[in-house]
Amino acid sequence: MSSDWPGGPDDPGPGRACRRGWGEKFAEAARGVKLGVRGQASFAVHFFFATLAVLAAVLLECDRVDWCLIVLCIGLVLTAELLNSSLETLFHGLDADTKGRLVGVLDIAAGAVLVASGSAAVVGGVVFVRRLLVFTGAA
């Protein structure tokens, strides 16, 4: 696996730039998403609610601004979950002494996902309640 880190397989030495192409960088990023999603039960929950949000946006004929908010919230939650997954992977590879010094790291990362999900739920509530009122003619 390639790396931009000094001493990594792609490190050409001091004073020289790494020469990885954009295709390789995107392939590595896609592999990272795949690794982050695989085996994480919480992603199934996030994908379920993202699908519900997209379906509701279609059915309620959301406008461009509403779509931007919905997509931004979905991206925020999935990004937070990927970062949480990366920290979990890193944490589980540490020795017991190091893990002991980092008590709370996984809780903080999970808290970030909770904050992102809660924020997305509030934004979704505002968007969908307003659209539902408009759609039913109550507003």
N, C-alpha and C. Protein backbone atom coordinates (compact mmCIF):
# COMPACT_ATOMS: atom_id res chain seq x y z
N MET A 1 0.84 -1.17 0.00
CA MET A 1 0.00 0.00 0.00
C MET A 1 0.88 1.23 0.00
N SER A 2 0.55 2.22 -0.79
CA SER A 2 1.39 3.40 -0.90
C SER A 2 1.06 4.41 0.19
N SER A 3 1.98 5.34 0.37
CA SER A 3 1.83 6.31 1.44
C SER A 3 2.58 7.58 1.10
N ASP A 4 2.06 8.71 1.57
CA ASP A 4 2.76 9.98 1.42
C ASP A 4 3.70 10.25 2.59
N TRP A 5 3.69 9.38 3.59
CA TRP A 5 4.47 9.61 4.79
C TRP A 5 5.96 9.41 4.50
N PRO A 6 6.81 10.20 5.15
CA PRO A 6 8.26 10.03 4.97
C PRO A 6 8.67 8.60 5.30
N GLY A 7 9.47 8.04 4.44
CA GLY A 7 9.93 6.68 4.64
C GLY A 7 8.99 5.63 4.10
N GLY A 8 7.82 6.07 3.60
CA GLY A 8 6.85 5.14 3.03
C GLY A 8 7.31 4.64 1.67
N PRO A 9 6.58 3.69 1.10
CA PRO A 9 6.99 3.09 -0.16
C PRO A 9 7.10 4.08 -1.32
N ASP A 10 6.36 5.18 -1.25
CA ASP A 10 6.41 6.17 -2.32
C ASP A 10 7.37 7.32 -2.02
N ASP A 11 8.07 7.25 -0.91
CA ASP A 11 8.98 8.34 -0.53
C ASP A 11 10.25 8.25 -1.37
N PRO A 12 10.46 9.23 -2.28
CA PRO A 12 11.63 9.18 -3.15
C PRO A 12 12.90 9.65 -2.45
N GLY A 13 12.79 10.08 -1.21
CA GLY A 13 13.96 10.54 -0.47
C GLY A 13 13.85 12.01 -0.12
N PRO A 14 14.82 12.51 0.64
CA PRO A 14 14.77 13.91 1.09
C PRO A 14 14.80 14.88 -0.08
N GLY A 15 13.94 15.90 0.01
CA GLY A 15 13.96 16.97 -0.97
C GLY A 15 13.26 16.64 -2.28
N ARG A 16 12.66 15.48 -2.41
CA ARG A 16 11.98 15.10 -3.64
C ARG A 16 10.50 14.90 -3.37
N ALA A 17 9.68 15.25 -4.35
CA ALA A 17 8.23 15.13 -4.21
C ALA A 17 7.77 13.72 -4.60
N CYS A 18 6.73 13.24 -3.92
CA CYS A 18 6.11 11.96 -4.29
C CYS A 18 5.37 12.16 -5.61
N ARG A 19 5.35 11.15 -6.44
CA ARG A 19 4.72 11.27 -7.75
C ARG A 19 3.59 10.24 -7.91
N ARG A 20 2.57 10.38 -7.09
CA ARG A 20 1.39 9.53 -7.24
C ARG A 20 0.38 10.28 -8.09
N GLY A 21 -0.24 9.58 -9.01
CA GLY A 21 -1.25 10.21 -9.85
C GLY A 21 -2.58 10.34 -9.14
N TRP A 22 -3.44 11.18 -9.72
CA TRP A 22 -4.76 11.39 -9.14
C TRP A 22 -5.57 10.10 -9.12
N GLY A 23 -5.42 9.29 -10.16
CA GLY A 23 -6.15 8.02 -10.20
C GLY A 23 -5.82 7.15 -9.02
N GLU A 24 -4.53 7.08 -8.69
CA GLU A 24 -4.10 6.27 -7.55
C GLU A 24 -4.63 6.84 -6.23
N LYS A 25 -4.62 8.17 -6.13
CA LYS A 25 -5.12 8.80 -4.90
C LYS A 25 -6.61 8.54 -4.72
N PHE A 26 -7.38 8.63 -5.81
CA PHE A 26 -8.81 8.36 -5.72
C PHE A 26 -9.07 6.89 -5.42
N ALA A 27 -8.28 6.00 -6.01
CA ALA A 27 -8.43 4.56 -5.73
C ALA A 27 -8.18 4.27 -4.26
N GLU A 28 -7.17 4.91 -3.68
CA GLU A 28 -6.88 4.73 -2.25
C GLU A 28 -8.02 5.26 -1.40
N ALA A 29 -8.57 6.42 -1.79
CA ALA A 29 -9.68 6.99 -1.03
C ALA A 29 -10.92 6.08 -1.11
N ALA A 30 -11.20 5.55 -2.30
CA ALA A 30 -12.33 4.64 -2.46
C ALA A 30 -12.13 3.38 -1.63
N ARG A 31 -10.89 2.88 -1.61
CA ARG A 31 -10.58 1.71 -0.78
C ARG A 31 -10.79 2.04 0.69
N GLY A 32 -10.45 3.26 1.09
CA GLY A 32 -10.67 3.68 2.47
C GLY A 32 -12.13 3.71 2.84
N VAL A 33 -12.98 4.20 1.94
CA VAL A 33 -14.42 4.20 2.19
C VAL A 33 -14.91 2.76 2.33
N LYS A 34 -14.46 1.89 1.43
CA LYS A 34 -14.87 0.48 1.48
C LYS A 34 -14.45 -0.16 2.80
N LEU A 35 -13.21 0.09 3.23
CA LEU A 35 -12.74 -0.47 4.49
C LEU A 35 -13.49 0.12 5.68
N GLY A 36 -13.82 1.40 5.60
CA GLY A 36 -14.54 2.05 6.70
C GLY A 36 -15.96 1.57 6.84
N VAL A 37 -16.59 1.24 5.73
CA VAL A 37 -17.98 0.80 5.74
C VAL A 37 -18.09 -0.68 6.09
N ARG A 38 -17.16 -1.47 5.61
CA ARG A 38 -17.23 -2.92 5.80
C ARG A 38 -17.19 -3.29 7.28
N GLY A 39 -18.14 -4.09 7.68
CA GLY A 39 -18.15 -4.61 9.04
C GLY A 39 -18.64 -3.64 10.09
N GLN A 40 -19.14 -2.48 9.69
CA GLN A 40 -19.64 -1.50 10.65
C GLN A 40 -21.17 -1.52 10.62
N ALA A 41 -21.76 -2.09 11.63
CA ALA A 41 -23.23 -2.20 11.68
C ALA A 41 -23.89 -0.83 11.69
N SER A 42 -23.22 0.15 12.26
CA SER A 42 -23.83 1.49 12.34
C SER A 42 -24.00 2.11 10.96
N PHE A 43 -23.19 1.70 9.99
CA PHE A 43 -23.36 2.23 8.64
C PHE A 43 -24.69 1.79 8.05
N ALA A 44 -25.14 0.60 8.37
CA ALA A 44 -26.44 0.13 7.87
C ALA A 44 -27.55 1.06 8.37
N VAL A 45 -27.46 1.47 9.61
CA VAL A 45 -28.45 2.38 10.18
C VAL A 45 -28.39 3.73 9.48
N HIS A 46 -27.18 4.24 9.29
CA HIS A 46 -27.02 5.55 8.63
C HIS A 46 -27.50 5.49 7.19
N PHE A 47 -27.20 4.42 6.46
CA PHE A 47 -27.66 4.29 5.08
C PHE A 47 -29.18 4.17 5.02
N PHE A 48 -29.78 3.48 5.98
CA PHE A 48 -31.23 3.35 6.03
C PHE A 48 -31.88 4.73 6.16
N PHE A 49 -31.40 5.53 7.12
CA PHE A 49 -31.98 6.85 7.32
C PHE A 49 -31.65 7.80 6.17
N ALA A 50 -30.49 7.65 5.56
CA ALA A 50 -30.16 8.46 4.39
C ALA A 50 -31.11 8.13 3.24
N THR A 51 -31.42 6.85 3.07
CA THR A 51 -32.36 6.44 2.03
C THR A 51 -33.75 7.00 2.31
N LEU A 52 -34.18 6.96 3.56
CA LEU A 52 -35.47 7.55 3.93
C LEU A 52 -35.50 9.04 3.64
N ALA A 53 -34.41 9.74 3.95
CA ALA A 53 -34.34 11.18 3.72
C ALA A 53 -34.43 11.49 2.23
N VAL A 54 -33.72 10.74 1.42
CA VAL A 54 -33.75 10.96 -0.03
C VAL A 54 -35.14 10.67 -0.58
N LEU A 55 -35.75 9.57 -0.12
CA LEU A 55 -37.10 9.22 -0.56
C LEU A 55 -38.10 10.32 -0.16
N ALA A 56 -38.01 10.80 1.07
CA ALA A 56 -38.90 11.88 1.53
C ALA A 56 -38.68 13.14 0.70
N ALA A 57 -37.43 13.45 0.38
CA ALA A 57 -37.13 14.64 -0.42
C ALA A 57 -37.75 14.54 -1.81
N VAL A 58 -37.71 13.36 -2.39
CA VAL A 58 -38.32 13.14 -3.71
C VAL A 58 -39.84 13.27 -3.62
N LEU A 59 -40.44 12.57 -2.64
CA LEU A 59 -41.90 12.58 -2.51
C LEU A 59 -42.45 13.95 -2.16
N LEU A 60 -41.72 14.71 -1.36
CA LEU A 60 -42.19 16.04 -0.95
C LEU A 60 -41.72 17.15 -1.89
N GLU A 61 -41.11 16.75 -2.99
CA GLU A 61 -40.67 17.70 -4.03
C GLU A 61 -39.83 18.83 -3.45
N CYS A 62 -38.78 18.45 -2.73
CA CYS A 62 -37.90 19.44 -2.12
C CYS A 62 -37.22 20.30 -3.18
N ASP A 63 -36.97 21.55 -2.81
CA ASP A 63 -36.30 22.46 -3.74
C ASP A 63 -34.78 22.30 -3.63
N ARG A 64 -34.07 23.08 -4.40
CA ARG A 64 -32.61 22.97 -4.47
C ARG A 64 -31.94 23.20 -3.12
N VAL A 65 -32.37 24.17 -2.37
CA VAL A 65 -31.77 24.46 -1.06
C VAL A 65 -32.01 23.30 -0.10
N ASP A 66 -33.22 22.77 -0.10
CA ASP A 66 -33.53 21.62 0.76
C ASP A 66 -32.63 20.43 0.41
N TRP A 67 -32.47 20.16 -0.90
CA TRP A 67 -31.61 19.06 -1.33
C TRP A 67 -30.17 19.28 -0.86
N CYS A 68 -29.70 20.51 -0.98
CA CYS A 68 -28.33 20.80 -0.53
C CYS A 68 -28.18 20.52 0.96
N LEU A 69 -29.16 20.92 1.75
CA LEU A 69 -29.11 20.67 3.19
C LEU A 69 -29.14 19.18 3.50
N ILE A 70 -29.99 18.45 2.79
CA ILE A 70 -30.11 17.01 3.02
C ILE A 70 -28.82 16.29 2.66
N VAL A 71 -28.28 16.59 1.48
CA VAL A 71 -27.04 15.94 1.05
C VAL A 71 -25.88 16.32 1.98
N LEU A 72 -25.84 17.57 2.40
CA LEU A 72 -24.79 18.01 3.33
C LEU A 72 -24.88 17.26 4.65
N CYS A 73 -26.07 17.09 5.16
CA CYS A 73 -26.26 16.35 6.42
C CYS A 73 -25.88 14.89 6.27
N ILE A 74 -26.29 14.26 5.17
CA ILE A 74 -25.92 12.86 4.95
C ILE A 74 -24.40 12.73 4.88
N GLY A 75 -23.76 13.63 4.13
CA GLY A 75 -22.30 13.61 4.03
C GLY A 75 -21.62 13.83 5.36
N LEU A 76 -22.16 14.73 6.17
CA LEU A 76 -21.60 15.01 7.49
C LEU A 76 -21.64 13.78 8.39
N VAL A 77 -22.77 13.11 8.42
CA VAL A 77 -22.92 11.92 9.27
C VAL A 77 -22.01 10.79 8.79
N LEU A 78 -21.98 10.54 7.48
CA LEU A 78 -21.14 9.46 6.96
C LEU A 78 -19.66 9.77 7.15
N THR A 79 -19.28 11.03 7.01
CA THR A 79 -17.88 11.41 7.25
C THR A 79 -17.51 11.21 8.71
N ALA A 80 -18.39 11.62 9.62
CA ALA A 80 -18.12 11.41 11.05
C ALA A 80 -17.99 9.93 11.36
N GLU A 81 -18.84 9.11 10.74
CA GLU A 81 -18.78 7.67 10.98
C GLU A 81 -17.49 7.06 10.42
N LEU A 82 -17.04 7.52 9.27
CA LEU A 82 -15.77 7.05 8.71
C LEU A 82 -14.60 7.41 9.62
N LEU A 83 -14.60 8.64 10.13
CA LEU A 83 -13.53 9.04 11.05
C LEU A 83 -13.58 8.21 12.33
N ASN A 84 -14.78 7.95 12.83
CA ASN A 84 -14.93 7.11 14.00
C ASN A 84 -14.38 5.70 13.72
N SER A 85 -14.72 5.15 12.56
CA SER A 85 -14.24 3.82 12.18
C SER A 85 -12.72 3.79 12.07
N SER A 86 -12.13 4.85 11.54
CA SER A 86 -10.67 4.87 11.40
C SER A 86 -10.00 4.92 12.78
N LEU A 87 -10.57 5.67 13.70
CA LEU A 87 -10.01 5.71 15.05
C LEU A 87 -10.17 4.37 15.77
N GLU A 88 -11.32 3.71 15.55
CA GLU A 88 -11.51 2.38 16.15
C GLU A 88 -10.48 1.39 15.62
N THR A 89 -10.25 1.43 14.31
CA THR A 89 -9.27 0.53 13.70
C THR A 89 -7.88 0.79 14.26
N LEU A 90 -7.52 2.04 14.34
CA LEU A 90 -6.21 2.41 14.89
C LEU A 90 -6.10 1.99 16.36
N PHE A 91 -7.13 2.27 17.14
CA PHE A 91 -7.12 1.98 18.57
C PHE A 91 -6.96 0.49 18.84
N HIS A 92 -7.66 -0.34 18.06
CA HIS A 92 -7.60 -1.78 18.29
C HIS A 92 -6.25 -2.37 17.93
N GLY A 93 -5.43 -1.65 17.19
CA GLY A 93 -4.09 -2.11 16.85
C GLY A 93 -3.03 -1.71 17.85
N LEU A 94 -3.42 -0.99 18.89
CA LEU A 94 -2.45 -0.52 19.88
C LEU A 94 -2.23 -1.56 20.98
N ASP A 95 -1.09 -1.44 21.66
CA ASP A 95 -0.83 -2.34 22.79
C ASP A 95 -1.65 -1.88 23.99
N ALA A 96 -1.77 -2.73 24.99
CA ALA A 96 -2.63 -2.47 26.15
C ALA A 96 -2.22 -1.21 26.91
N ASP A 97 -0.91 -0.97 27.07
CA ASP A 97 -0.46 0.22 27.79
C ASP A 97 -0.89 1.49 27.09
N THR A 98 -0.74 1.52 25.78
CA THR A 98 -1.13 2.71 25.02
C THR A 98 -2.64 2.89 25.07
N LYS A 99 -3.38 1.81 24.95
CA LYS A 99 -4.84 1.91 25.05
C LYS A 99 -5.25 2.50 26.40
N GLY A 100 -4.56 2.09 27.45
CA GLY A 100 -4.86 2.60 28.78
C GLY A 100 -4.67 4.10 28.90
N ARG A 101 -3.69 4.63 28.18
CA ARG A 101 -3.44 6.08 28.21
C ARG A 101 -4.42 6.86 27.36
N LEU A 102 -5.14 6.17 26.51
CA LEU A 102 -6.06 6.85 25.58
C LEU A 102 -7.52 6.57 25.91
N VAL A 103 -7.79 6.36 27.18
CA VAL A 103 -9.16 6.10 27.61
C VAL A 103 -10.04 7.27 27.19
N GLY A 104 -11.14 6.95 26.61
CA GLY A 104 -12.09 7.99 26.21
C GLY A 104 -12.03 8.36 24.74
N VAL A 105 -10.97 7.98 24.04
CA VAL A 105 -10.83 8.36 22.63
C VAL A 105 -12.00 7.84 21.80
N LEU A 106 -12.34 6.57 21.98
CA LEU A 106 -13.43 6.00 21.21
C LEU A 106 -14.78 6.60 21.60
N ASP A 107 -14.93 6.94 22.87
CA ASP A 107 -16.17 7.59 23.31
C ASP A 107 -16.31 8.97 22.68
N ILE A 108 -15.22 9.71 22.61
CA ILE A 108 -15.25 11.04 21.99
C ILE A 108 -15.60 10.92 20.51
N ALA A 109 -14.99 9.96 19.82
CA ALA A 109 -15.28 9.76 18.40
C ALA A 109 -16.74 9.37 18.19
N ALA A 110 -17.25 8.49 19.05
CA ALA A 110 -18.67 8.12 18.96
C ALA A 110 -19.56 9.32 19.26
N GLY A 111 -19.11 10.16 20.18
CA GLY A 111 -19.85 11.38 20.48
C GLY A 111 -19.93 12.31 19.28
N ALA A 112 -18.86 12.35 18.48
CA ALA A 112 -18.87 13.17 17.26
C ALA A 112 -19.93 12.67 16.28
N VAL A 113 -20.05 11.36 16.18
CA VAL A 113 -21.08 10.78 15.30
C VAL A 113 -22.47 11.12 15.84
N LEU A 114 -22.63 11.05 17.16
CA LEU A 114 -23.91 11.38 17.77
C LEU A 114 -24.29 12.84 17.51
N VAL A 115 -23.33 13.75 17.66
CA VAL A 115 -23.60 15.17 17.41
C VAL A 115 -23.96 15.40 15.94
N ALA A 116 -23.22 14.77 15.03
CA ALA A 116 -23.51 14.91 13.60
C ALA A 116 -24.90 14.35 13.28
N SER A 117 -25.22 13.19 13.84
CA SER A 117 -26.53 12.57 13.59
C SER A 117 -27.66 13.41 14.17
N GLY A 118 -27.46 13.91 15.37
CA GLY A 118 -28.48 14.76 15.99
C GLY A 118 -28.71 16.04 15.21
N SER A 119 -27.63 16.65 14.76
CA SER A 119 -27.75 17.86 13.94
C SER A 119 -28.48 17.57 12.64
N ALA A 120 -28.15 16.45 12.02
CA ALA A 120 -28.82 16.07 10.78
C ALA A 120 -30.31 15.82 11.02
N ALA A 121 -30.65 15.22 12.15
CA ALA A 121 -32.05 14.97 12.46
C ALA A 121 -32.82 16.28 12.65
N VAL A 122 -32.20 17.26 13.29
CA VAL A 122 -32.85 18.55 13.48
C VAL A 122 -33.06 19.24 12.13
N VAL A 123 -32.01 19.27 11.31
CA VAL A 123 -32.14 19.88 9.98
C VAL A 123 -33.21 19.14 9.17
N GLY A 124 -33.18 17.80 9.20
CA GLY A 124 -34.19 17.03 8.49
C GLY A 124 -35.59 17.34 8.98
N GLY A 125 -35.74 17.47 10.30
CA GLY A 125 -37.05 17.82 10.85
C GLY A 125 -37.54 19.16 10.34
N VAL A 126 -36.68 20.15 10.34
CA VAL A 126 -37.05 21.49 9.86
C VAL A 126 -37.43 21.43 8.38
N VAL A 127 -36.59 20.80 7.59
CA VAL A 127 -36.83 20.72 6.14
C VAL A 127 -38.12 19.96 5.85
N PHE A 128 -38.27 18.77 6.44
CA PHE A 128 -39.39 17.92 6.08
C PHE A 128 -40.72 18.38 6.67
N VAL A 129 -40.72 18.95 7.85
CA VAL A 129 -41.97 19.48 8.40
C VAL A 129 -42.44 20.65 7.55
N ARG A 130 -41.52 21.53 7.18
CA ARG A 130 -41.88 22.67 6.33
C ARG A 130 -42.39 22.19 4.97
N ARG A 131 -41.69 21.23 4.37
CA ARG A 131 -42.11 20.72 3.05
C ARG A 131 -43.45 19.99 3.17
N LEU A 132 -43.66 19.28 4.26
CA LEU A 132 -44.93 18.57 4.46
C LEU A 132 -46.08 19.56 4.58
N LEU A 133 -45.85 20.65 5.30
CA LEU A 133 -46.89 21.69 5.42
C LEU A 133 -47.18 22.33 4.07
N VAL A 134 -46.14 22.60 3.31
CA VAL A 134 -46.32 23.18 1.97
C VAL A 134 -47.04 22.18 1.06
N PHE A 135 -46.61 20.93 1.12
CA PHE A 135 -47.16 19.88 0.26
C PHE A 135 -48.64 19.64 0.53
N THR A 136 -49.04 19.71 1.79
CA THR A 136 -50.45 19.47 2.16
C THR A 136 -51.30 20.73 2.07
N GLY A 137 -50.66 21.87 1.82
CA GLY A 137 -51.39 23.13 1.71
C GLY A 137 -51.70 23.78 3.04
N ALA A 138 -51.12 23.28 4.13
CA ALA A 138 -51.35 23.83 5.47
C ALA A 138 -50.50 25.07 5.74
N ALA A 139 -49.53 25.34 4.88
CA ALA A 139 -48.66 26.51 5.13
C ALA A 139 -48.90 27.58 4.11
